[in-house]
Amino acid sequence: MAGDMPWPEVAIGNKNHANAAVVIIGAGISGMCTAIDLIKRNNCRNFIILEKSAGVGGTCYSFAQNSDWTREYPGQEEILSYLTRVAQEYKLYQHVRFNTTVDEARWDDELQKWRTKVSTAPGSKEAEFNPNYEIKSDFLVSAVGQLNQPAYPKIDGLDNFDGKKMHSARWDWSYDLKDKKIALIGNGCTAVQILPEIAKDAKHVTVFQRTPNWVVPRADQPITPLMRNMLRYVPPLRWRKRAVQMDFREWTYGAIVDPSSEPAKQFKELALDMLHRQLPDQPEMWEKLTPTYTLGCKRIIISDDYYPAINQDNVSLEVRPIASVSGKNVKVKTDIGDAVDTDTDYDLLVCATGFRTLEFMHPIKIYGKGGRSLHDIWKDGAHGYNGTCVTDLPNFGMLYGPNTNLGHNSIILMIEAQSKYINGLIKPVLEARKQGKSLSLRPKDEKVKAYNERVQEVLKNSSFNDSTCNSWYKNEQGMITNNWSGTVVEYQEILSKVDYEDYIAEGSGKTIVERQKSLKIGRVVEETQMSDRTLLALGLVSTAAVVGGFLLRNSKHLTPYLNSIKLR
């Protein structure tokens, strides 16, 4: 029984409802990954996952590869089904407290613990008897990421729009789009995904574009049942596919950091070729949709169907800046500065305008050692150590934190490295408590400073720092707070070992890290490591093993059939 297990193997129950070894904020891909590593690496189930919504979310892990994707780019429902399956496999649901919002987290210097204040959703059963409460924990992990809180555009009259209004990140699936006139504000990654879908049902869609984006082909296509079976039963084929994707994506790093590089030139040619091919003989549209800034300064968009959607008869592109919203109309500015209505009254206004990316923990209030607020720590811009730990926040880790976003590869690889690293910090904290001692770890100021100086020095000379464009990668002062400066492999190598000497250790259990000094973690290796011939040989061996296993399991049923063959 769970109650017979030693701490921290024992899960949270009624008697320790408000006490945990680890509290994880967020049940998305980062939170789930951290929880799974807690189980696998630290044999710990004494944790709570706090999730403000009613379900899990995210995408695919390297350690839980899926051979059953029906498309190269599967849809939201298919991804959600996969994540639900992973959560069930690792028995995570018993740890998640849904419809629970974190209001404040405060480090208690005397207890050497975090005090996390939460509130339950109004109208829920929990809110009837426990609307607000506090959880004490030895370690706190933020898994809310960078793309969490929707950002609404600052447009005069937007709040008083007379029709239906929604943000792309807070979609109302009950709203019927059929025969509706829709204003789509924004033309970034989200808008590019939304437009082809809503244009299928809408009477008319107007896309309000502020700045054009570089768009390259997505090459999305169905994965046939035969190929899915091959990926399932011949693992090296699946490994090879992932390795090719990894190799290509790491190669594209050059395209987003160095505008004069060969990858950058090839991507630019690819983007322009698709634009001209999908919108043939339309030089006016080419001019409206071709960026004037460096490729990579903003996020490069991958899509096969955005331009064809723009070209539909029921879709129009509006490039004049929005002046205001009045009633059900959107007014735009003319060349002489006048504000005029666009041609239609809109039933629906969609804000595909991204997230509050510069406020990583918003709206949660965080207070660290000595009561110092995270707002004060980050007053000059968000920054951290290895993108995971923050000055004066003891026993704290965050995933998808400052300077860990990518423009060229999968963020999941970054998250998995961060989860392993954070679990390496959690390990001695758990060991100290098992010994009846306390231990807190926080990064040394000089280590944080040196790390960020190295990162910013590289970013300063990258395409991200192009002065001709603004992006959600940098703050008002021009500091790039969101993006990582190198390749995924470089980041994974940095986080493949925890150097406890980089941290200030306090508490009666600090001798644990003073003796050990470091912990080797290793990293996920996805890039090509062996030849195709070796992979083919492994594939044949694995296929033989699968077939042999099938024959062995079904020998009793197959014997009569095999005997009949011998008699012929």
Protein backbone atom coordinates (compact mmCIF):
# COMPACT_ATOMS: atom_id res chain seq x y z
CA MET A 1 0.00 0.00 0.00
CA ALA A 2 1.07 3.59 -0.60
CA GLY A 3 1.11 4.31 3.13
CA ASP A 4 3.73 1.62 3.68
CA MET A 5 6.18 3.21 1.26
CA PRO A 6 9.12 5.29 2.54
CA TRP A 7 9.28 9.03 1.88
CA PRO A 8 9.45 10.35 -0.86
CA GLU A 9 8.08 7.26 -2.66
CA VAL A 10 4.74 7.71 -0.95
CA ALA A 11 2.24 9.82 -2.89
CA ILE A 12 0.40 12.78 -1.39
CA GLY A 13 -2.71 11.73 0.54
CA ASN A 14 -5.33 13.25 2.79
CA LYS A 15 -3.03 13.58 5.81
CA ASN A 16 -0.32 15.46 3.89
CA HIS A 17 -2.65 17.26 1.46
CA ALA A 18 -0.80 20.56 1.92
CA ASN A 19 2.77 19.23 2.22
CA ALA A 20 4.93 17.90 -0.60
CA ALA A 21 8.51 17.27 -1.53
CA VAL A 22 7.98 19.06 -4.85
CA VAL A 23 5.28 21.35 -6.22
CA ILE A 24 5.08 21.67 -10.01
CA ILE A 25 3.13 24.57 -11.51
CA GLY A 26 1.56 23.46 -14.79
CA ALA A 27 0.43 20.11 -16.23
CA GLY A 28 1.60 20.79 -19.77
CA ILE A 29 4.52 19.11 -21.47
CA SER A 30 7.09 20.67 -19.12
CA GLY A 31 5.24 19.79 -15.92
CA MET A 32 4.56 16.23 -17.04
CA CYS A 33 8.17 15.76 -18.11
CA THR A 34 9.45 16.95 -14.72
CA ALA A 35 7.02 14.66 -12.91
CA ILE A 36 8.06 11.65 -14.99
CA ASP A 37 11.74 12.37 -14.30
CA LEU A 38 10.94 12.68 -10.58
CA ILE A 39 9.55 9.15 -10.73
CA LYS A 40 12.27 7.68 -12.94
CA ARG A 41 15.34 9.51 -11.59
CA ASN A 42 14.50 10.23 -7.97
CA ASN A 43 11.99 7.48 -7.16
CA CYS A 44 9.75 10.27 -5.90
CA ARG A 45 5.97 10.35 -5.98
CA ASN A 46 5.64 12.89 -3.20
CA PHE A 47 4.76 15.72 -5.55
CA ILE A 48 1.77 17.84 -6.56
CA ILE A 49 1.06 19.26 -10.01
CA LEU A 50 -1.06 22.40 -9.96
CA GLU A 51 -3.00 23.08 -13.17
CA LYS A 52 -5.38 25.99 -13.66
CA SER A 53 -7.27 24.35 -16.54
CA ALA A 54 -9.23 21.10 -16.56
CA GLY A 55 -6.78 18.91 -18.49
CA VAL A 56 -3.21 18.20 -19.57
CA GLY A 57 -1.61 19.59 -22.73
CA GLY A 58 1.57 19.68 -24.86
CA THR A 59 3.23 17.48 -27.53
CA CYS A 60 5.64 14.48 -28.02
CA TYR A 61 8.58 13.27 -25.86
CA SER A 62 11.73 11.48 -27.01
CA PHE A 63 11.31 8.88 -24.24
CA ALA A 64 7.72 8.11 -25.27
CA GLN A 65 8.00 8.01 -29.04
CA ASN A 66 4.77 7.49 -30.91
CA SER A 67 4.60 5.39 -34.08
CA ASP A 68 0.92 6.06 -34.67
CA TRP A 69 0.87 9.70 -35.77
CA THR A 70 -1.44 9.92 -38.78
CA ARG A 71 0.29 13.01 -40.21
CA GLU A 72 3.75 14.56 -40.20
CA TYR A 73 2.12 17.45 -38.32
CA PRO A 74 -0.70 15.90 -36.28
CA GLY A 75 -3.62 18.01 -35.08
CA GLN A 76 -4.43 19.18 -31.56
CA GLU A 77 -6.85 16.34 -30.79
CA GLU A 78 -4.33 13.66 -31.78
CA ILE A 79 -1.57 15.26 -29.71
CA LEU A 80 -3.88 15.58 -26.70
CA SER A 81 -4.82 11.90 -27.00
CA TYR A 82 -1.11 10.99 -26.96
CA LEU A 83 -0.44 13.11 -23.87
CA THR A 84 -3.42 11.68 -22.04
CA ARG A 85 -2.05 8.23 -22.73
CA VAL A 86 1.41 9.20 -21.38
CA ALA A 87 -0.14 10.72 -18.25
CA GLN A 88 -2.09 7.52 -17.67
CA GLU A 89 0.95 5.31 -18.30
CA TYR A 90 2.96 7.11 -15.61
CA LYS A 91 -0.06 7.43 -13.28
CA LEU A 92 0.21 11.21 -13.14
CA TYR A 93 -3.47 12.01 -12.73
CA GLN A 94 -3.41 11.17 -9.02
CA HIS A 95 -0.87 13.98 -8.60
CA VAL A 96 -2.67 16.69 -10.59
CA ARG A 97 -4.99 19.22 -8.97
CA PHE A 98 -6.98 20.64 -11.85
CA ASN A 99 -8.84 23.96 -11.83
CA THR A 100 -6.29 25.21 -9.30
CA THR A 101 -4.60 28.58 -9.75
CA VAL A 102 -1.31 29.58 -8.14
CA ASP A 103 -1.56 33.10 -6.73
CA GLU A 104 1.71 33.45 -4.85
CA ALA A 105 4.81 31.46 -3.94
CA ARG A 106 7.06 32.65 -1.11
CA TRP A 107 10.31 31.13 0.17
CA ASP A 108 10.37 30.76 3.97
CA ASP A 109 13.95 31.38 5.13
CA GLU A 110 13.32 29.83 8.54
CA LEU A 111 11.56 26.66 7.38
CA GLN A 112 13.74 26.35 4.25
CA LYS A 113 10.57 25.62 2.29
CA TRP A 114 8.29 27.18 -0.29
CA ARG A 115 4.82 28.36 0.73
CA THR A 116 2.59 28.28 -2.35
CA LYS A 117 -0.83 29.91 -2.10
CA VAL A 118 -3.48 28.51 -4.42
CA SER A 119 -7.16 29.10 -5.16
CA THR A 120 -9.66 26.66 -6.64
CA ALA A 121 -12.02 27.52 -9.47
CA PRO A 122 -15.26 29.23 -8.37
CA GLY A 123 -18.23 26.91 -8.70
CA SER A 124 -16.14 23.76 -8.37
CA LYS A 125 -16.73 21.23 -5.62
CA GLU A 126 -13.35 22.01 -4.07
CA ALA A 127 -14.18 25.71 -3.89
CA GLU A 128 -17.16 24.94 -1.64
CA PHE A 129 -14.94 23.75 1.20
CA ASN A 130 -11.38 24.77 0.27
CA PRO A 131 -11.39 27.88 -1.96
CA ASN A 132 -7.90 28.97 -0.87
CA TYR A 133 -5.08 27.12 0.83
CA GLU A 134 -1.31 26.95 1.14
CA ILE A 135 1.08 24.12 0.22
CA LYS A 136 4.53 23.75 1.77
CA SER A 137 7.23 22.10 -0.35
CA ASP A 138 10.97 21.53 -0.32
CA PHE A 139 11.28 22.42 -4.01
CA LEU A 140 9.21 24.50 -6.44
CA VAL A 141 9.17 24.03 -10.22
CA SER A 142 7.59 26.45 -12.66
CA ALA A 143 6.37 24.71 -15.82
CA VAL A 144 4.20 27.53 -17.12
CA GLY A 145 6.62 28.38 -19.94
CA GLN A 146 6.80 31.46 -22.16
CA LEU A 147 3.59 31.04 -24.17
CA ASN A 148 1.00 31.00 -21.43
CA GLN A 149 -0.83 34.28 -20.86
CA PRO A 150 -2.62 35.68 -23.95
CA ALA A 151 -1.64 39.14 -25.12
CA TYR A 152 -4.41 41.35 -26.48
CA PRO A 153 -3.55 44.17 -28.87
CA LYS A 154 -3.78 47.72 -27.60
CA ILE A 155 -6.53 48.96 -29.92
CA ASP A 156 -8.93 51.72 -28.98
CA GLY A 157 -12.47 50.33 -28.61
CA LEU A 158 -11.45 46.67 -28.72
CA ASP A 159 -13.07 45.88 -25.37
CA ASN A 160 -16.38 47.27 -26.58
CA PHE A 161 -16.62 45.27 -29.81
CA ASP A 162 -20.33 44.51 -30.35
CA GLY A 163 -19.88 41.07 -31.87
CA LYS A 164 -18.19 37.90 -30.61
CA LYS A 165 -14.53 38.29 -29.59
CA MET A 166 -12.02 35.60 -28.70
CA HIS A 167 -8.28 35.09 -28.40
CA SER A 168 -6.75 32.27 -30.41
CA ALA A 169 -5.40 30.75 -27.18
CA ARG A 170 -8.84 30.80 -25.55
CA TRP A 171 -10.94 29.37 -28.36
CA ASP A 172 -14.70 28.95 -27.95
CA TRP A 173 -15.46 25.68 -29.74
CA SER A 174 -19.20 26.15 -29.23
CA TYR A 175 -19.26 29.15 -31.58
CA ASP A 176 -20.47 28.29 -35.10
CA LEU A 177 -18.28 29.91 -37.77
CA LYS A 178 -20.58 29.07 -40.68
CA ASP A 179 -21.49 32.11 -42.81
CA LYS A 180 -19.85 34.52 -40.35
CA LYS A 181 -17.87 37.62 -41.24
CA ILE A 182 -14.59 37.39 -39.36
CA ALA A 183 -11.82 39.88 -38.59
CA LEU A 184 -8.54 38.04 -37.94
CA ILE A 185 -6.09 40.37 -36.22
CA GLY A 186 -2.52 39.12 -36.61
CA ASN A 187 -0.61 37.10 -39.19
CA GLY A 188 1.95 35.23 -37.09
CA CYS A 189 2.24 31.48 -36.51
CA THR A 190 -1.17 31.14 -34.89
CA ALA A 191 -3.01 33.16 -37.52
CA VAL A 192 -1.33 31.14 -40.26
CA GLN A 193 -2.70 27.95 -38.71
CA ILE A 194 -6.15 29.40 -38.05
CA LEU A 195 -6.91 31.07 -41.39
CA PRO A 196 -7.12 27.95 -43.61
CA GLU A 197 -9.51 26.35 -41.14
CA ILE A 198 -11.89 29.23 -40.46
CA ALA A 199 -11.97 30.20 -44.15
CA LYS A 200 -13.63 26.84 -44.91
CA ASP A 201 -16.81 27.89 -43.08
CA ALA A 202 -16.76 31.67 -42.91
CA LYS A 203 -18.65 33.90 -45.27
CA HIS A 204 -15.66 36.23 -45.35
CA VAL A 205 -12.38 36.65 -43.45
CA THR A 206 -10.30 39.81 -43.36
CA VAL A 207 -6.70 39.31 -42.25
CA PHE A 208 -5.25 42.41 -40.60
CA GLN A 209 -1.50 42.22 -41.15
CA ARG A 210 0.89 44.52 -39.33
CA THR A 211 4.17 43.09 -40.66
CA PRO A 212 4.69 40.28 -43.20
CA ASN A 213 6.51 37.11 -42.16
CA TRP A 214 8.93 34.73 -43.82
CA VAL A 215 6.92 31.61 -44.64
CA VAL A 216 8.53 28.36 -45.79
CA PRO A 217 6.91 25.06 -46.89
CA ARG A 218 5.70 22.70 -44.20
CA ALA A 219 5.69 19.52 -46.29
CA ASP A 220 2.83 18.11 -44.25
CA GLN A 221 1.32 14.86 -45.49
CA PRO A 222 -0.51 11.79 -44.22
CA ILE A 223 1.49 8.86 -42.83
CA THR A 224 0.13 5.68 -44.37
CA PRO A 225 -0.85 2.66 -42.22
CA LEU A 226 2.03 0.72 -43.83
CA MET A 227 4.57 3.35 -42.80
CA ARG A 228 3.11 3.54 -39.29
CA ASN A 229 3.53 -0.23 -38.94
CA MET A 230 7.11 -0.01 -40.18
CA LEU A 231 7.89 2.76 -37.68
CA ARG A 232 6.34 0.66 -34.91
CA TYR A 233 7.92 -2.71 -35.67
CA VAL A 234 11.28 -1.54 -37.03
CA PRO A 235 12.49 0.88 -34.34
CA PRO A 236 15.75 1.79 -36.13
CA LEU A 237 13.65 3.17 -38.97
CA ARG A 238 11.90 5.43 -36.46
CA TRP A 239 15.24 6.38 -34.92
CA ARG A 240 16.63 7.20 -38.34
CA LYS A 241 13.68 9.40 -39.20
CA ARG A 242 14.09 11.33 -35.96
CA ALA A 243 17.85 11.61 -36.53
CA VAL A 244 17.36 13.03 -40.03
CA GLN A 245 14.91 15.58 -38.64
CA MET A 246 17.34 16.47 -35.86
CA ASP A 247 20.29 16.82 -38.24
CA PHE A 248 18.31 19.05 -40.59
CA ARG A 249 16.95 21.26 -37.82
CA GLU A 250 20.35 21.77 -36.24
CA TRP A 251 21.70 22.67 -39.69
CA THR A 252 19.04 25.38 -39.99
CA TYR A 253 20.46 27.11 -36.91
CA GLY A 254 22.71 29.01 -39.31
CA ALA A 255 19.67 30.37 -41.16
CA ILE A 256 18.34 32.22 -38.13
CA VAL A 257 21.54 33.58 -36.63
CA ASP A 258 23.63 34.50 -39.67
CA PRO A 259 21.80 36.23 -42.55
CA SER A 260 24.79 35.72 -44.85
CA SER A 261 24.99 31.96 -44.27
CA GLU A 262 24.13 29.40 -46.91
CA PRO A 263 21.13 28.05 -44.94
CA ALA A 264 19.75 31.61 -44.69
CA LYS A 265 20.08 32.12 -48.45
CA GLN A 266 18.41 28.79 -49.17
CA PHE A 267 15.52 29.46 -46.79
CA LYS A 268 14.94 32.89 -48.30
CA GLU A 269 14.86 31.43 -51.80
CA LEU A 270 12.50 28.70 -50.59
CA ALA A 271 10.14 31.24 -49.05
CA LEU A 272 10.04 33.53 -52.09
CA ASP A 273 9.64 30.61 -54.48
CA MET A 274 6.60 29.34 -52.58
CA LEU A 275 5.08 32.83 -52.39
CA HIS A 276 5.41 33.35 -56.15
CA ARG A 277 4.27 29.82 -56.98
CA GLN A 278 1.18 29.80 -54.74
CA LEU A 279 0.17 33.35 -55.68
CA PRO A 280 1.08 33.40 -59.39
CA ASP A 281 1.15 36.68 -61.32
CA GLN A 282 0.21 38.82 -58.31
CA PRO A 283 3.09 41.27 -57.82
CA GLU A 284 0.99 43.52 -55.55
CA MET A 285 0.39 40.62 -53.16
CA TRP A 286 4.05 39.63 -53.34
CA GLU A 287 5.02 43.11 -52.20
CA LYS A 288 2.54 43.04 -49.30
CA LEU A 289 3.67 39.60 -48.13
CA THR A 290 7.45 39.92 -48.52
CA PRO A 291 9.34 41.03 -45.36
CA THR A 292 12.02 43.69 -45.53
CA TYR A 293 13.80 42.51 -42.39
CA THR A 294 16.40 39.77 -41.94
CA LEU A 295 15.20 36.19 -42.07
CA GLY A 296 15.16 34.86 -38.51
CA CYS A 297 14.56 38.18 -36.75
CA LYS A 298 10.97 37.07 -36.23
CA ARG A 299 9.91 33.47 -35.98
CA ILE A 300 10.05 31.71 -39.37
CA ILE A 301 6.61 30.31 -40.18
CA ILE A 302 6.12 26.91 -41.79
CA SER A 303 2.89 26.44 -43.74
CA ASP A 304 1.69 24.81 -46.94
CA ASP A 305 -1.76 26.38 -47.00
CA TYR A 306 -1.54 29.98 -45.77
CA TYR A 307 -0.99 31.60 -49.15
CA PRO A 308 -3.67 29.46 -50.86
CA ALA A 309 -6.05 30.52 -48.08
CA ILE A 310 -5.17 34.20 -48.60
CA ASN A 311 -5.92 33.67 -52.29
CA GLN A 312 -9.49 32.45 -51.69
CA ASP A 313 -12.38 34.61 -52.88
CA ASN A 314 -13.79 34.89 -49.34
CA VAL A 315 -10.49 36.11 -47.84
CA SER A 316 -8.95 39.57 -48.06
CA LEU A 317 -5.66 40.97 -46.78
CA GLU A 318 -5.67 44.36 -45.05
CA VAL A 319 -2.22 45.92 -44.52
CA ARG A 320 -3.30 49.40 -43.44
CA PRO A 321 -2.76 49.82 -39.66
CA ILE A 322 -5.78 49.50 -37.39
CA ALA A 323 -6.94 52.80 -35.92
CA SER A 324 -9.77 51.64 -33.68
CA VAL A 325 -12.74 49.31 -33.23
CA SER A 326 -16.20 50.83 -33.23
CA GLY A 327 -19.39 48.82 -32.88
CA LYS A 328 -18.88 45.85 -35.23
CA ASN A 329 -16.45 47.69 -37.50
CA VAL A 330 -12.67 47.92 -37.59
CA LYS A 331 -11.32 51.30 -38.64
CA VAL A 332 -7.97 51.56 -40.43
CA LYS A 333 -5.65 54.48 -41.11
CA THR A 334 -5.26 55.80 -44.63
CA ASP A 335 -2.04 57.16 -46.10
CA ILE A 336 -3.09 60.68 -45.13
CA GLY A 337 -3.88 59.68 -41.55
CA ASP A 338 -7.67 59.47 -41.75
CA ALA A 339 -9.52 56.60 -40.01
CA VAL A 340 -11.96 54.77 -42.27
CA ASP A 341 -14.15 51.68 -41.85
CA THR A 342 -13.26 48.48 -43.62
CA ASP A 343 -15.92 47.13 -45.95
CA THR A 344 -17.89 44.86 -43.62
CA ASP A 345 -19.59 44.51 -40.23
CA TYR A 346 -17.89 41.65 -38.40
CA ASP A 347 -19.68 38.92 -36.48
CA LEU A 348 -16.45 37.64 -34.93
CA LEU A 349 -13.15 39.29 -34.04
CA VAL A 350 -10.23 36.88 -33.49
CA CYS A 351 -7.09 38.15 -31.75
CA ALA A 352 -4.25 35.93 -32.97
CA THR A 353 -1.81 38.23 -31.24
CA GLY A 354 0.35 35.90 -29.22
CA PHE A 355 1.29 35.90 -25.56
CA ARG A 356 2.79 38.03 -22.81
CA THR A 357 6.19 36.50 -23.50
CA LEU A 358 8.34 38.91 -21.48
CA GLU A 359 6.52 38.20 -18.20
CA PHE A 360 7.50 34.58 -17.71
CA MET A 361 5.66 33.94 -14.45
CA HIS A 362 2.76 36.41 -14.86
CA PRO A 363 0.50 36.78 -12.95
CA ILE A 364 2.01 34.64 -10.17
CA LYS A 365 3.80 36.61 -7.45
CA ILE A 366 7.15 35.05 -6.50
CA TYR A 367 9.24 36.01 -3.46
CA GLY A 368 12.62 34.46 -2.78
CA LYS A 369 15.31 34.71 -0.12
CA GLY A 370 14.82 37.64 2.23
CA GLY A 371 11.46 38.35 0.63
CA ARG A 372 13.02 39.61 -2.59
CA SER A 373 10.47 39.61 -5.42
CA LEU A 374 11.02 38.11 -8.85
CA HIS A 375 9.79 41.41 -10.24
CA ASP A 376 12.76 43.11 -8.59
CA ILE A 377 15.22 40.42 -9.71
CA TRP A 378 14.06 40.84 -13.31
CA LYS A 379 13.57 44.61 -13.33
CA ASP A 380 16.14 44.92 -16.14
CA GLY A 381 14.88 41.89 -18.06
CA ALA A 382 14.27 38.21 -17.37
CA HIS A 383 17.41 36.09 -17.03
CA GLY A 384 18.49 32.90 -15.31
CA TYR A 385 21.27 30.39 -14.89
CA ASN A 386 21.20 27.78 -17.65
CA GLY A 387 17.71 29.07 -18.34
CA THR A 388 16.44 27.10 -15.33
CA CYS A 389 17.45 28.76 -12.04
CA VAL A 390 17.16 32.32 -10.76
CA THR A 391 19.23 34.48 -8.42
CA ASP A 392 17.88 34.53 -4.83
CA LEU A 393 15.25 31.84 -5.52
CA PRO A 394 16.43 28.82 -3.51
CA ASN A 395 15.27 25.30 -4.49
CA PHE A 396 13.56 26.67 -7.57
CA GLY A 397 13.65 25.55 -11.18
CA MET A 398 11.83 26.62 -14.30
CA LEU A 399 11.34 25.03 -17.68
CA TYR A 400 11.18 26.97 -20.95
CA GLY A 401 12.55 29.92 -19.02
CA PRO A 402 14.60 32.95 -20.12
CA ASN A 403 16.78 32.42 -23.20
CA THR A 404 15.65 28.86 -23.89
CA ASN A 405 13.28 29.44 -26.81
CA LEU A 406 14.31 28.18 -30.24
CA GLY A 407 13.82 29.34 -33.79
CA HIS A 408 15.25 26.26 -35.48
CA ASN A 409 14.50 23.03 -33.59
CA SER A 410 12.09 21.31 -31.22
CA ILE A 411 11.63 22.98 -27.85
CA ILE A 412 10.87 19.54 -26.40
CA LEU A 413 14.56 18.65 -26.54
CA MET A 414 15.33 21.75 -24.47
CA ILE A 415 12.59 20.91 -21.97
CA GLU A 416 13.80 17.35 -21.49
CA ALA A 417 17.32 18.62 -20.77
CA GLN A 418 15.94 21.14 -18.27
CA SER A 419 13.82 18.52 -16.54
CA LYS A 420 16.81 16.24 -16.04
CA TYR A 421 18.93 19.15 -14.78
CA ILE A 422 16.28 20.33 -12.31
CA ASN A 423 15.86 16.79 -11.05
CA GLY A 424 19.61 16.76 -10.47
CA LEU A 425 19.12 19.75 -8.16
CA ILE A 426 16.14 18.14 -6.46
CA LYS A 427 18.07 14.93 -5.72
CA PRO A 428 20.29 16.21 -2.86
CA VAL A 429 17.39 18.22 -1.41
CA LEU A 430 15.37 15.00 -1.12
CA GLU A 431 18.38 13.18 0.33
CA ALA A 432 18.83 15.86 2.98
CA ARG A 433 15.21 15.63 4.08
CA LYS A 434 15.41 11.82 4.25
CA GLN A 435 18.26 12.34 6.73
CA GLY A 436 16.14 14.75 8.75
CA LYS A 437 18.13 17.74 7.52
CA SER A 438 17.45 20.79 5.35
CA LEU A 439 19.20 21.94 2.20
CA SER A 440 18.69 24.92 -0.08
CA LEU A 441 20.49 25.61 -3.35
CA ARG A 442 20.53 28.87 -5.27
CA PRO A 443 22.85 29.91 -8.13
CA LYS A 444 25.84 32.09 -7.33
CA ASP A 445 25.52 35.66 -8.63
CA GLU A 446 28.86 35.55 -10.45
CA LYS A 447 27.87 32.34 -12.27
CA VAL A 448 24.55 33.83 -13.35
CA LYS A 449 26.22 37.01 -14.55
CA ALA A 450 28.96 35.23 -16.52
CA TYR A 451 26.48 32.83 -18.12
CA ASN A 452 24.17 35.59 -19.32
CA GLU A 453 27.03 37.73 -20.60
CA ARG A 454 28.12 34.82 -22.82
CA VAL A 455 24.58 34.27 -24.09
CA GLN A 456 23.90 37.94 -24.81
CA GLU A 457 27.24 38.40 -26.57
CA VAL A 458 26.26 35.77 -29.16
CA LEU A 459 22.68 37.04 -29.47
CA LYS A 460 23.88 40.60 -30.01
CA ASN A 461 25.42 39.56 -33.34
CA SER A 462 22.54 37.33 -34.46
CA SER A 463 19.53 37.89 -36.72
CA PHE A 464 17.41 38.09 -33.57
CA ASN A 465 18.98 41.48 -32.92
CA ASP A 466 18.05 43.00 -36.29
CA SER A 467 17.19 46.64 -35.51
CA THR A 468 14.75 46.84 -38.44
CA CYS A 469 12.13 44.62 -36.79
CA ASN A 470 10.46 44.12 -33.45
CA SER A 471 9.66 40.67 -32.11
CA TRP A 472 8.44 38.98 -28.97
CA TYR A 473 12.00 37.77 -28.45
CA LYS A 474 13.20 41.03 -26.92
CA ASN A 475 12.03 43.64 -24.43
CA GLU A 476 11.62 47.39 -24.86
CA GLN A 477 15.29 47.96 -24.03
CA GLY A 478 16.28 45.62 -26.88
CA MET A 479 17.50 42.83 -24.60
CA ILE A 480 16.77 39.38 -26.08
CA THR A 481 15.16 37.60 -23.13
CA ASN A 482 13.53 34.65 -24.85
CA ASN A 483 15.88 32.94 -27.30
CA TRP A 484 18.78 30.57 -26.77
CA SER A 485 22.02 31.62 -28.43
CA GLY A 486 23.25 28.25 -29.70
CA THR A 487 22.20 24.87 -31.00
CA VAL A 488 20.17 22.30 -29.09
CA VAL A 489 23.17 19.98 -28.78
CA GLU A 490 25.24 22.80 -27.24
CA TYR A 491 22.50 23.45 -24.68
CA GLN A 492 22.12 19.76 -23.90
CA GLU A 493 25.86 19.46 -23.31
CA ILE A 494 25.80 22.37 -20.85
CA LEU A 495 22.95 20.79 -18.88
CA SER A 496 24.36 17.25 -19.02
CA LYS A 497 26.00 17.78 -15.60
CA VAL A 498 25.01 19.62 -12.42
CA ASP A 499 27.96 21.40 -10.80
CA TYR A 500 26.84 21.92 -7.22
CA GLU A 501 29.80 24.27 -6.77
CA ASP A 502 27.91 26.74 -8.99
CA TYR A 503 25.32 27.04 -6.20
CA ILE A 504 25.21 28.50 -2.71
CA ALA A 505 24.31 25.63 -0.39
CA GLU A 506 22.70 26.38 2.97
CA GLY A 507 21.15 24.28 5.69
CA SER A 508 22.18 21.38 7.90
CA GLY A 509 22.38 19.08 4.88
CA LYS A 510 24.79 21.15 2.79
CA THR A 511 27.60 18.64 3.34
CA ILE A 512 25.78 16.35 0.88
CA VAL A 513 26.65 18.57 -2.09
CA GLU A 514 29.97 19.67 -0.62
CA ARG A 515 31.07 16.05 -0.71
CA GLN A 516 29.57 15.12 -4.09
CA LYS A 517 30.35 18.42 -5.88
CA SER A 518 28.77 17.37 -9.20
CA LEU A 519 26.29 14.97 -10.76
CA LYS A 520 26.57 13.64 -14.31
CA ILE A 521 23.17 13.46 -15.98
CA GLY A 522 23.86 12.76 -19.63
CA ARG A 523 21.65 13.97 -22.46
CA VAL A 524 19.18 12.82 -25.07
CA VAL A 525 21.05 11.91 -28.25
CA GLU A 526 18.81 12.35 -31.29
CA GLU A 527 21.34 13.33 -33.95
CA THR A 528 22.91 10.77 -36.29
CA GLN A 529 25.40 8.56 -34.45
CA MET A 530 25.82 5.61 -36.81
CA SER A 531 25.73 4.75 -40.49
CA ASP A 532 22.60 3.78 -42.43
CA ARG A 533 24.10 0.30 -42.96
CA THR A 534 24.38 -0.26 -39.21
CA LEU A 535 20.84 1.02 -38.70
CA LEU A 536 19.60 -1.32 -41.45
CA ALA A 537 21.31 -4.26 -39.74
CA LEU A 538 19.70 -3.30 -36.44
CA GLY A 539 16.40 -3.00 -38.25
CA LEU A 540 16.67 -6.54 -39.62
CA VAL A 541 17.60 -7.87 -36.19
CA SER A 542 14.71 -6.06 -34.51
CA THR A 543 12.30 -7.23 -37.20
CA ALA A 544 13.48 -10.81 -36.73
CA ALA A 545 13.01 -10.41 -32.98
CA VAL A 546 9.48 -9.08 -33.43
CA VAL A 547 8.53 -11.89 -35.83
CA GLY A 548 10.22 -14.48 -33.63
CA GLY A 549 8.40 -13.20 -30.57
CA PHE A 550 5.10 -13.33 -32.41
CA LEU A 551 5.73 -16.94 -33.50
CA LEU A 552 6.76 -17.96 -30.00
CA ARG A 553 3.69 -16.37 -28.38
CA ASN A 554 1.38 -17.98 -30.93
CA SER A 555 3.14 -21.33 -31.49
CA LYS A 556 0.24 -23.31 -30.03
CA HIS A 557 -2.17 -21.82 -32.53
CA LEU A 558 0.24 -21.97 -35.47
CA THR A 559 1.45 -25.59 -35.04
CA PRO A 560 -1.50 -27.20 -36.89
CA TYR A 561 -1.04 -24.73 -39.76
CA LEU A 562 2.73 -25.36 -39.96
CA ASN A 563 2.21 -29.11 -39.88
CA SER A 564 -0.25 -28.88 -42.75
CA ILE A 565 2.41 -27.07 -44.80
CA LYS A 566 4.96 -29.87 -44.13
CA LEU A 567 2.49 -32.51 -45.31
CA ARG A 568 1.94 -30.86 -48.72
